[in-house]
């Protein structure tokens, strides 16, 4: 038995440049490394998911550019309820990949815009597929707090 696709309506409601740092270095040659990280957060009351993409460019292990961009996506109430399973919100891997890719593409634009006209404009975020997200994300709806 195959699963039927489900249409869940959502929209982008906010883009924020969380961080943008440039560290001027003297050399333009060397080994360039790129580290990246993605984080997800939810607001159950407002029914939105926040995705944060962080990228660090390092030249010979010295940080050159640090950029972090967040995107917030609001879901229609009926669609949001589709993700509620008991006491958890289960966000499917495919949805997380789509939101991460959107946020990564947005970060590319921020990087280009903020480096336009200087030597770091040659740096770019390569095409990275969403395969790094391996599983669904389960988030407790009523987390307990520890004092």
N, C-alpha and C. Protein backbone atom coordinates (compact mmCIF):
# COMPACT_ATOMS: atom_id res chain seq x y z
N UNK A 1 0.85 -1.18 0.00
CA UNK A 1 0.00 0.00 0.00
C UNK A 1 0.89 1.24 0.00
N UNK A 2 0.63 2.18 -0.90
CA UNK A 2 1.44 3.41 -0.96
C UNK A 2 0.70 4.54 -0.25
N UNK A 3 1.50 5.44 0.30
CA UNK A 3 0.93 6.59 0.99
C UNK A 3 0.51 7.64 -0.03
N UNK A 4 -0.63 8.24 0.21
CA UNK A 4 -1.11 9.31 -0.65
C UNK A 4 -0.45 10.62 -0.23
N UNK A 5 -0.03 11.45 -1.19
CA UNK A 5 0.54 12.74 -0.81
C UNK A 5 -0.50 13.61 -0.12
N UNK A 6 -0.02 14.42 0.79
CA UNK A 6 -0.89 15.32 1.55
C UNK A 6 -0.43 16.74 1.27
N UNK A 7 -1.38 17.62 0.95
CA UNK A 7 -1.05 19.03 0.73
C UNK A 7 -1.18 19.78 2.04
N UNK A 8 -0.07 20.36 2.46
CA UNK A 8 -0.04 21.17 3.68
C UNK A 8 0.36 22.58 3.24
N UNK A 9 -0.50 23.55 3.51
CA UNK A 9 -0.19 24.92 3.11
C UNK A 9 0.62 25.61 4.20
N UNK A 10 1.69 26.26 3.76
CA UNK A 10 2.51 27.06 4.65
C UNK A 10 3.09 28.21 3.85
N UNK A 11 3.59 29.22 4.59
CA UNK A 11 4.15 30.38 3.91
C UNK A 11 5.33 30.92 4.70
N UNK A 12 6.23 31.56 4.00
CA UNK A 12 7.36 32.23 4.62
C UNK A 12 6.85 33.50 5.28
N UNK A 13 7.19 33.69 6.56
CA UNK A 13 6.72 34.90 7.25
C UNK A 13 7.86 35.80 7.70
N UNK A 14 9.10 35.28 7.72
CA UNK A 14 10.20 36.13 8.20
C UNK A 14 11.54 35.56 7.76
N UNK A 15 12.44 36.46 7.38
CA UNK A 15 13.84 36.13 7.11
C UNK A 15 14.68 37.05 7.98
N UNK A 16 15.65 36.48 8.69
CA UNK A 16 16.52 37.28 9.55
C UNK A 16 17.97 36.85 9.34
N UNK A 17 18.84 37.84 9.14
CA UNK A 17 20.28 37.55 9.16
C UNK A 17 20.68 37.54 10.62
N UNK A 18 20.86 36.34 11.16
CA UNK A 18 21.17 36.18 12.57
C UNK A 18 22.61 36.59 12.87
N UNK A 19 23.50 36.34 11.92
CA UNK A 19 24.91 36.66 12.14
C UNK A 19 25.60 36.84 10.79
N UNK A 20 26.47 37.82 10.73
CA UNK A 20 27.34 37.98 9.56
C UNK A 20 28.63 38.63 10.04
N UNK A 21 29.71 37.85 10.03
CA UNK A 21 31.01 38.36 10.46
C UNK A 21 32.02 38.10 9.37
N UNK A 22 32.87 39.08 9.12
CA UNK A 22 33.97 38.94 8.17
C UNK A 22 35.26 39.20 8.93
N UNK A 23 36.21 38.29 8.77
CA UNK A 23 37.53 38.44 9.37
C UNK A 23 38.52 38.62 8.22
N UNK A 24 38.99 39.84 8.03
CA UNK A 24 39.94 40.12 6.94
C UNK A 24 41.24 39.37 7.19
N UNK A 25 41.67 38.60 6.22
CA UNK A 25 42.95 37.90 6.30
C UNK A 25 43.84 38.40 5.17
N UNK A 26 45.15 38.32 5.40
CA UNK A 26 46.11 38.85 4.43
C UNK A 26 46.23 38.00 3.17
N UNK A 27 46.13 36.72 3.31
CA UNK A 27 46.33 35.83 2.17
C UNK A 27 45.03 35.52 1.46
N UNK A 28 45.12 35.25 0.18
CA UNK A 28 43.96 34.83 -0.60
C UNK A 28 44.12 33.40 -1.08
N UNK A 29 45.26 32.80 -0.76
CA UNK A 29 45.54 31.42 -1.18
C UNK A 29 45.60 30.54 0.05
N UNK A 30 45.27 29.28 -0.15
CA UNK A 30 45.32 28.33 0.95
C UNK A 30 44.19 27.33 0.83
N UNK A 31 44.01 26.55 1.87
CA UNK A 31 42.96 25.55 1.90
C UNK A 31 41.68 26.17 2.43
N UNK A 32 40.63 26.10 1.62
CA UNK A 32 39.34 26.66 2.01
C UNK A 32 38.44 25.53 2.48
N UNK A 33 37.90 25.67 3.68
CA UNK A 33 36.95 24.71 4.23
C UNK A 33 35.63 25.43 4.48
N UNK A 34 34.56 24.66 4.41
CA UNK A 34 33.23 25.19 4.69
C UNK A 34 32.55 24.24 5.66
N UNK A 35 32.17 24.76 6.82
CA UNK A 35 31.40 24.00 7.81
C UNK A 35 29.97 24.53 7.80
N UNK A 36 29.00 23.61 7.94
CA UNK A 36 27.62 24.07 7.99
C UNK A 36 26.83 23.31 9.04
N UNK A 37 25.75 23.96 9.49
CA UNK A 37 24.89 23.39 10.52
C UNK A 37 23.48 23.92 10.27
N UNK A 38 22.49 23.07 10.52
CA UNK A 38 21.09 23.49 10.44
C UNK A 38 20.41 23.19 11.75
N UNK A 39 19.57 24.11 12.18
CA UNK A 39 18.80 23.94 13.41
C UNK A 39 17.33 24.21 13.10
N UNK A 40 16.46 23.52 13.83
CA UNK A 40 15.02 23.70 13.66
C UNK A 40 14.41 24.02 15.02
N UNK A 41 13.44 24.91 15.01
CA UNK A 41 12.67 25.21 16.19
C UNK A 41 11.21 25.35 15.81
N UNK A 42 10.33 25.19 16.77
CA UNK A 42 8.90 25.33 16.49
C UNK A 42 8.24 26.21 17.54
N UNK A 43 7.15 26.83 17.14
CA UNK A 43 6.26 27.54 18.04
C UNK A 43 4.89 26.95 17.83
N UNK A 44 4.46 26.09 18.75
CA UNK A 44 3.19 25.39 18.60
C UNK A 44 2.00 26.35 18.65
N UNK A 45 2.09 27.39 19.49
CA UNK A 45 0.97 28.34 19.59
C UNK A 45 0.75 29.10 18.29
N UNK A 46 1.84 29.56 17.68
CA UNK A 46 1.75 30.34 16.44
C UNK A 46 1.82 29.45 15.19
N UNK A 47 2.07 28.17 15.39
CA UNK A 47 2.11 27.19 14.31
C UNK A 47 3.15 27.54 13.26
N UNK A 48 4.39 27.76 13.74
CA UNK A 48 5.45 28.00 12.77
C UNK A 48 6.70 27.22 13.10
N UNK A 49 7.48 27.00 12.06
CA UNK A 49 8.77 26.33 12.15
C UNK A 49 9.84 27.34 11.76
N UNK A 50 10.90 27.39 12.55
CA UNK A 50 12.03 28.26 12.26
C UNK A 50 13.22 27.37 11.89
N UNK A 51 13.84 27.69 10.78
CA UNK A 51 15.02 26.97 10.32
C UNK A 51 16.19 27.95 10.31
N UNK A 52 17.31 27.54 10.89
CA UNK A 52 18.51 28.37 10.92
C UNK A 52 19.62 27.63 10.18
N UNK A 53 20.18 28.31 9.19
CA UNK A 53 21.32 27.77 8.43
C UNK A 53 22.56 28.56 8.83
N UNK A 54 23.61 27.83 9.22
CA UNK A 54 24.86 28.48 9.63
C UNK A 54 25.99 27.95 8.75
N UNK A 55 26.80 28.86 8.23
CA UNK A 55 27.93 28.51 7.39
C UNK A 55 29.16 29.25 7.88
N UNK A 56 30.29 28.53 7.97
CA UNK A 56 31.57 29.13 8.34
C UNK A 56 32.58 28.79 7.25
N UNK A 57 33.17 29.82 6.66
CA UNK A 57 34.25 29.66 5.70
C UNK A 57 35.57 29.83 6.43
N UNK A 58 36.47 28.86 6.26
CA UNK A 58 37.77 28.92 6.91
C UNK A 58 38.87 28.82 5.85
N UNK A 59 39.84 29.70 5.92
CA UNK A 59 41.00 29.68 5.04
C UNK A 59 42.20 29.30 5.88
N UNK A 60 42.77 28.14 5.58
CA UNK A 60 43.85 27.58 6.39
C UNK A 60 43.47 27.57 7.87
N UNK A 61 42.26 27.12 8.14
CA UNK A 61 41.70 26.94 9.49
C UNK A 61 41.42 28.25 10.23
N UNK A 62 41.54 29.38 9.54
CA UNK A 62 41.20 30.68 10.13
C UNK A 62 39.84 31.09 9.59
N UNK A 63 38.92 31.40 10.52
CA UNK A 63 37.57 31.79 10.11
C UNK A 63 37.61 33.09 9.31
N UNK A 64 37.01 33.04 8.12
CA UNK A 64 36.97 34.21 7.24
C UNK A 64 35.58 34.83 7.24
N UNK A 65 34.57 34.01 7.04
CA UNK A 65 33.18 34.50 7.05
C UNK A 65 32.33 33.54 7.86
N UNK A 66 31.48 34.13 8.68
CA UNK A 66 30.51 33.38 9.48
C UNK A 66 29.15 34.00 9.17
N UNK A 67 28.27 33.21 8.59
CA UNK A 67 26.94 33.71 8.24
C UNK A 67 25.88 32.75 8.75
N UNK A 68 24.84 33.31 9.35
CA UNK A 68 23.70 32.52 9.83
C UNK A 68 22.42 33.26 9.44
N UNK A 69 21.50 32.54 8.83
CA UNK A 69 20.24 33.11 8.38
C UNK A 69 19.11 32.22 8.87
N UNK A 70 18.03 32.83 9.34
CA UNK A 70 16.86 32.05 9.75
C UNK A 70 15.66 32.41 8.88
N UNK A 71 14.83 31.42 8.65
CA UNK A 71 13.56 31.60 7.96
C UNK A 71 12.47 31.01 8.83
N UNK A 72 11.37 31.73 8.93
CA UNK A 72 10.22 31.24 9.69
C UNK A 72 9.08 30.95 8.73
N UNK A 73 8.48 29.78 8.90
CA UNK A 73 7.40 29.33 8.03
C UNK A 73 6.16 29.08 8.87
N UNK A 74 5.06 29.72 8.51
CA UNK A 74 3.79 29.57 9.22
C UNK A 74 2.93 28.55 8.49
N UNK A 75 2.30 27.66 9.25
CA UNK A 75 1.47 26.60 8.69
C UNK A 75 0.00 26.88 8.96
N UNK A 76 -0.85 26.47 8.03
CA UNK A 76 -2.28 26.60 8.27
C UNK A 76 -2.65 25.66 9.42
N UNK A 77 -3.64 26.02 10.25
CA UNK A 77 -3.99 25.19 11.41
C UNK A 77 -4.29 23.73 11.08
N UNK A 78 -5.04 23.48 10.03
CA UNK A 78 -5.39 22.09 9.69
C UNK A 78 -4.15 21.30 9.31
N UNK A 79 -3.25 21.93 8.59
CA UNK A 79 -2.00 21.27 8.22
C UNK A 79 -1.13 21.01 9.42
N UNK A 80 -1.07 21.97 10.34
CA UNK A 80 -0.26 21.80 11.56
C UNK A 80 -0.76 20.60 12.35
N UNK A 81 -2.08 20.49 12.48
CA UNK A 81 -2.67 19.39 13.24
C UNK A 81 -2.33 18.04 12.63
N UNK A 82 -2.07 18.01 11.32
CA UNK A 82 -1.68 16.77 10.67
C UNK A 82 -0.38 16.22 11.28
N UNK A 83 0.50 17.12 11.76
CA UNK A 83 1.79 16.73 12.33
C UNK A 83 1.70 16.32 13.80
N UNK A 84 0.58 16.63 14.45
CA UNK A 84 0.43 16.30 15.87
C UNK A 84 0.07 14.83 16.02
N UNK A 85 0.93 14.13 16.73
CA UNK A 85 0.73 12.70 17.00
C UNK A 85 0.84 12.50 18.50
N UNK A 86 -0.30 12.41 19.18
CA UNK A 86 -0.30 12.27 20.63
C UNK A 86 0.24 13.53 21.28
N UNK A 87 1.31 13.37 22.07
CA UNK A 87 1.92 14.49 22.78
C UNK A 87 3.15 15.04 22.04
N UNK A 88 3.28 14.68 20.76
CA UNK A 88 4.45 15.12 19.99
C UNK A 88 4.02 15.76 18.67
N UNK A 89 4.88 16.63 18.20
CA UNK A 89 4.76 17.17 16.85
C UNK A 89 5.82 16.43 16.03
N UNK A 90 5.41 15.75 14.98
CA UNK A 90 6.33 14.98 14.14
C UNK A 90 6.45 15.69 12.80
N UNK A 91 7.62 16.27 12.55
CA UNK A 91 7.87 16.93 11.27
C UNK A 91 8.60 15.93 10.37
N UNK A 92 8.01 15.61 9.21
CA UNK A 92 8.60 14.60 8.34
C UNK A 92 9.92 15.06 7.72
N UNK A 93 10.77 14.10 7.48
CA UNK A 93 12.09 14.34 6.91
C UNK A 93 12.00 15.15 5.61
N UNK A 94 11.08 14.79 4.73
CA UNK A 94 10.95 15.50 3.45
C UNK A 94 10.63 16.98 3.63
N UNK A 95 9.76 17.30 4.57
CA UNK A 95 9.43 18.70 4.86
C UNK A 95 10.65 19.42 5.41
N UNK A 96 11.35 18.79 6.35
CA UNK A 96 12.56 19.40 6.92
C UNK A 96 13.59 19.67 5.84
N UNK A 97 13.74 18.75 4.91
CA UNK A 97 14.69 18.94 3.80
C UNK A 97 14.29 20.13 2.95
N UNK A 98 12.99 20.25 2.65
CA UNK A 98 12.51 21.37 1.84
C UNK A 98 12.75 22.71 2.54
N UNK A 99 12.44 22.79 3.83
CA UNK A 99 12.65 24.03 4.57
C UNK A 99 14.13 24.36 4.68
N UNK A 100 14.97 23.34 4.90
CA UNK A 100 16.42 23.56 4.98
C UNK A 100 16.97 24.07 3.65
N UNK A 101 16.51 23.49 2.54
CA UNK A 101 17.00 23.92 1.23
C UNK A 101 16.59 25.36 0.94
N UNK A 102 15.35 25.71 1.29
CA UNK A 102 14.90 27.09 1.10
C UNK A 102 15.79 28.06 1.89
N UNK A 103 16.07 27.69 3.13
CA UNK A 103 16.89 28.55 3.99
C UNK A 103 18.32 28.62 3.47
N UNK A 104 18.85 27.53 2.95
CA UNK A 104 20.19 27.54 2.38
C UNK A 104 20.24 28.46 1.16
N UNK A 105 19.25 28.39 0.30
CA UNK A 105 19.23 29.26 -0.88
C UNK A 105 19.13 30.73 -0.46
N UNK A 106 18.35 31.00 0.55
CA UNK A 106 18.23 32.36 1.07
C UNK A 106 19.57 32.84 1.61
N UNK A 107 20.29 31.96 2.29
CA UNK A 107 21.61 32.30 2.84
C UNK A 107 22.59 32.62 1.71
N UNK A 108 22.49 31.92 0.59
CA UNK A 108 23.33 32.24 -0.57
C UNK A 108 23.13 33.68 -1.00
N UNK A 109 21.87 34.10 -1.05
CA UNK A 109 21.57 35.48 -1.45
C UNK A 109 22.12 36.49 -0.46
N UNK A 110 22.00 36.19 0.83
CA UNK A 110 22.53 37.09 1.86
C UNK A 110 24.05 37.19 1.73
N UNK A 111 24.72 36.04 1.54
CA UNK A 111 26.18 36.04 1.38
C UNK A 111 26.58 36.87 0.17
N UNK A 112 25.91 36.69 -0.94
CA UNK A 112 26.24 37.47 -2.13
C UNK A 112 26.04 38.97 -1.89
N UNK A 113 24.90 39.31 -1.34
CA UNK A 113 24.58 40.72 -1.11
C UNK A 113 25.57 41.40 -0.17
N UNK A 114 25.93 40.71 0.90
CA UNK A 114 26.81 41.33 1.91
C UNK A 114 28.27 41.36 1.48
N UNK A 115 28.66 40.54 0.48
CA UNK A 115 30.06 40.56 0.03
C UNK A 115 30.21 41.22 -1.34
N UNK A 116 29.13 41.72 -1.88
CA UNK A 116 29.20 42.31 -3.22
C UNK A 116 30.19 43.48 -3.24
N UNK A 117 31.09 43.41 -4.20
CA UNK A 117 32.07 44.49 -4.35
C UNK A 117 33.35 44.27 -3.58
N UNK A 118 33.50 43.16 -2.84
CA UNK A 118 34.78 42.92 -2.17
C UNK A 118 35.31 41.54 -2.52
N UNK A 119 36.51 41.25 -2.09
CA UNK A 119 37.20 40.02 -2.51
C UNK A 119 36.49 38.75 -2.06
N UNK A 120 35.66 38.81 -1.05
CA UNK A 120 34.99 37.61 -0.56
C UNK A 120 33.75 37.25 -1.37
N UNK A 121 33.42 38.06 -2.37
CA UNK A 121 32.27 37.76 -3.20
C UNK A 121 32.50 36.51 -4.06
N UNK A 122 33.73 36.07 -4.15
CA UNK A 122 34.04 34.84 -4.89
C UNK A 122 33.66 33.60 -4.09
N UNK A 123 33.49 33.74 -2.79
CA UNK A 123 33.09 32.60 -1.96
C UNK A 123 31.60 32.32 -2.19
N UNK A 124 31.26 31.05 -2.22
CA UNK A 124 29.87 30.69 -2.41
C UNK A 124 29.55 29.41 -1.66
N UNK A 125 28.28 29.24 -1.39
CA UNK A 125 27.79 28.02 -0.75
C UNK A 125 27.48 27.04 -1.87
N UNK A 126 28.16 25.91 -1.90
CA UNK A 126 27.92 24.96 -3.00
C UNK A 126 26.54 24.31 -2.90
N UNK A 127 26.16 23.63 -3.97
CA UNK A 127 24.90 22.91 -3.97
C UNK A 127 25.03 21.71 -3.03
N UNK A 128 24.26 21.74 -1.99
CA UNK A 128 24.24 20.66 -1.00
C UNK A 128 22.81 20.13 -0.98
N UNK A 129 22.64 18.86 -1.19
CA UNK A 129 21.30 18.27 -1.14
C UNK A 129 20.84 18.11 0.30
N UNK A 130 19.59 17.83 0.46
CA UNK A 130 19.01 17.68 1.80
C UNK A 130 19.23 16.33 2.43
N UNK A 131 20.09 15.50 1.82
CA UNK A 131 20.29 14.15 2.33
C UNK A 131 20.91 14.12 3.72
N UNK A 132 21.48 15.22 4.16
CA UNK A 132 22.07 15.24 5.50
C UNK A 132 21.00 15.17 6.59
N UNK A 133 19.76 15.42 6.24
CA UNK A 133 18.65 15.24 7.17
C UNK A 133 18.17 13.81 6.98
N UNK A 134 18.39 12.98 7.98
CA UNK A 134 18.21 11.53 7.85
C UNK A 134 16.87 11.00 8.35
N UNK A 135 16.17 11.79 9.19
CA UNK A 135 14.95 11.25 9.80
C UNK A 135 13.98 12.35 10.17
N UNK A 136 12.77 11.92 10.49
CA UNK A 136 11.74 12.84 10.97
C UNK A 136 12.21 13.46 12.29
N UNK A 137 11.63 14.59 12.64
CA UNK A 137 11.96 15.26 13.89
C UNK A 137 10.74 15.22 14.80
N UNK A 138 10.91 14.66 15.99
CA UNK A 138 9.84 14.57 16.98
C UNK A 138 10.09 15.60 18.08
N UNK A 139 9.10 16.45 18.32
CA UNK A 139 9.23 17.52 19.31
C UNK A 139 8.09 17.39 20.31
N UNK A 140 8.41 17.30 21.62
CA UNK A 140 7.34 17.22 22.62
C UNK A 140 6.50 18.51 22.62
N UNK A 141 5.18 18.36 22.68
CA UNK A 141 4.31 19.53 22.71
C UNK A 141 4.27 20.18 24.08
N UNK A 142 4.45 19.41 25.12
CA UNK A 142 4.44 19.93 26.48
C UNK A 142 5.72 19.52 27.19
N UNK A 143 6.84 20.15 26.81
CA UNK A 143 8.10 19.74 27.43
C UNK A 143 8.10 20.09 28.92
N UNK A 144 8.73 19.24 29.68
CA UNK A 144 8.87 19.52 31.11
C UNK A 144 10.10 20.40 31.32
N UNK A 145 10.03 21.25 32.31
CA UNK A 145 11.17 22.11 32.62
C UNK A 145 11.83 21.62 33.88
N UNK A 146 13.12 21.74 33.91
CA UNK A 146 13.90 21.33 35.09
C UNK A 146 14.51 22.58 35.68
N UNK A 147 14.30 22.77 36.97
CA UNK A 147 14.86 23.94 37.65
C UNK A 147 16.15 23.59 38.34
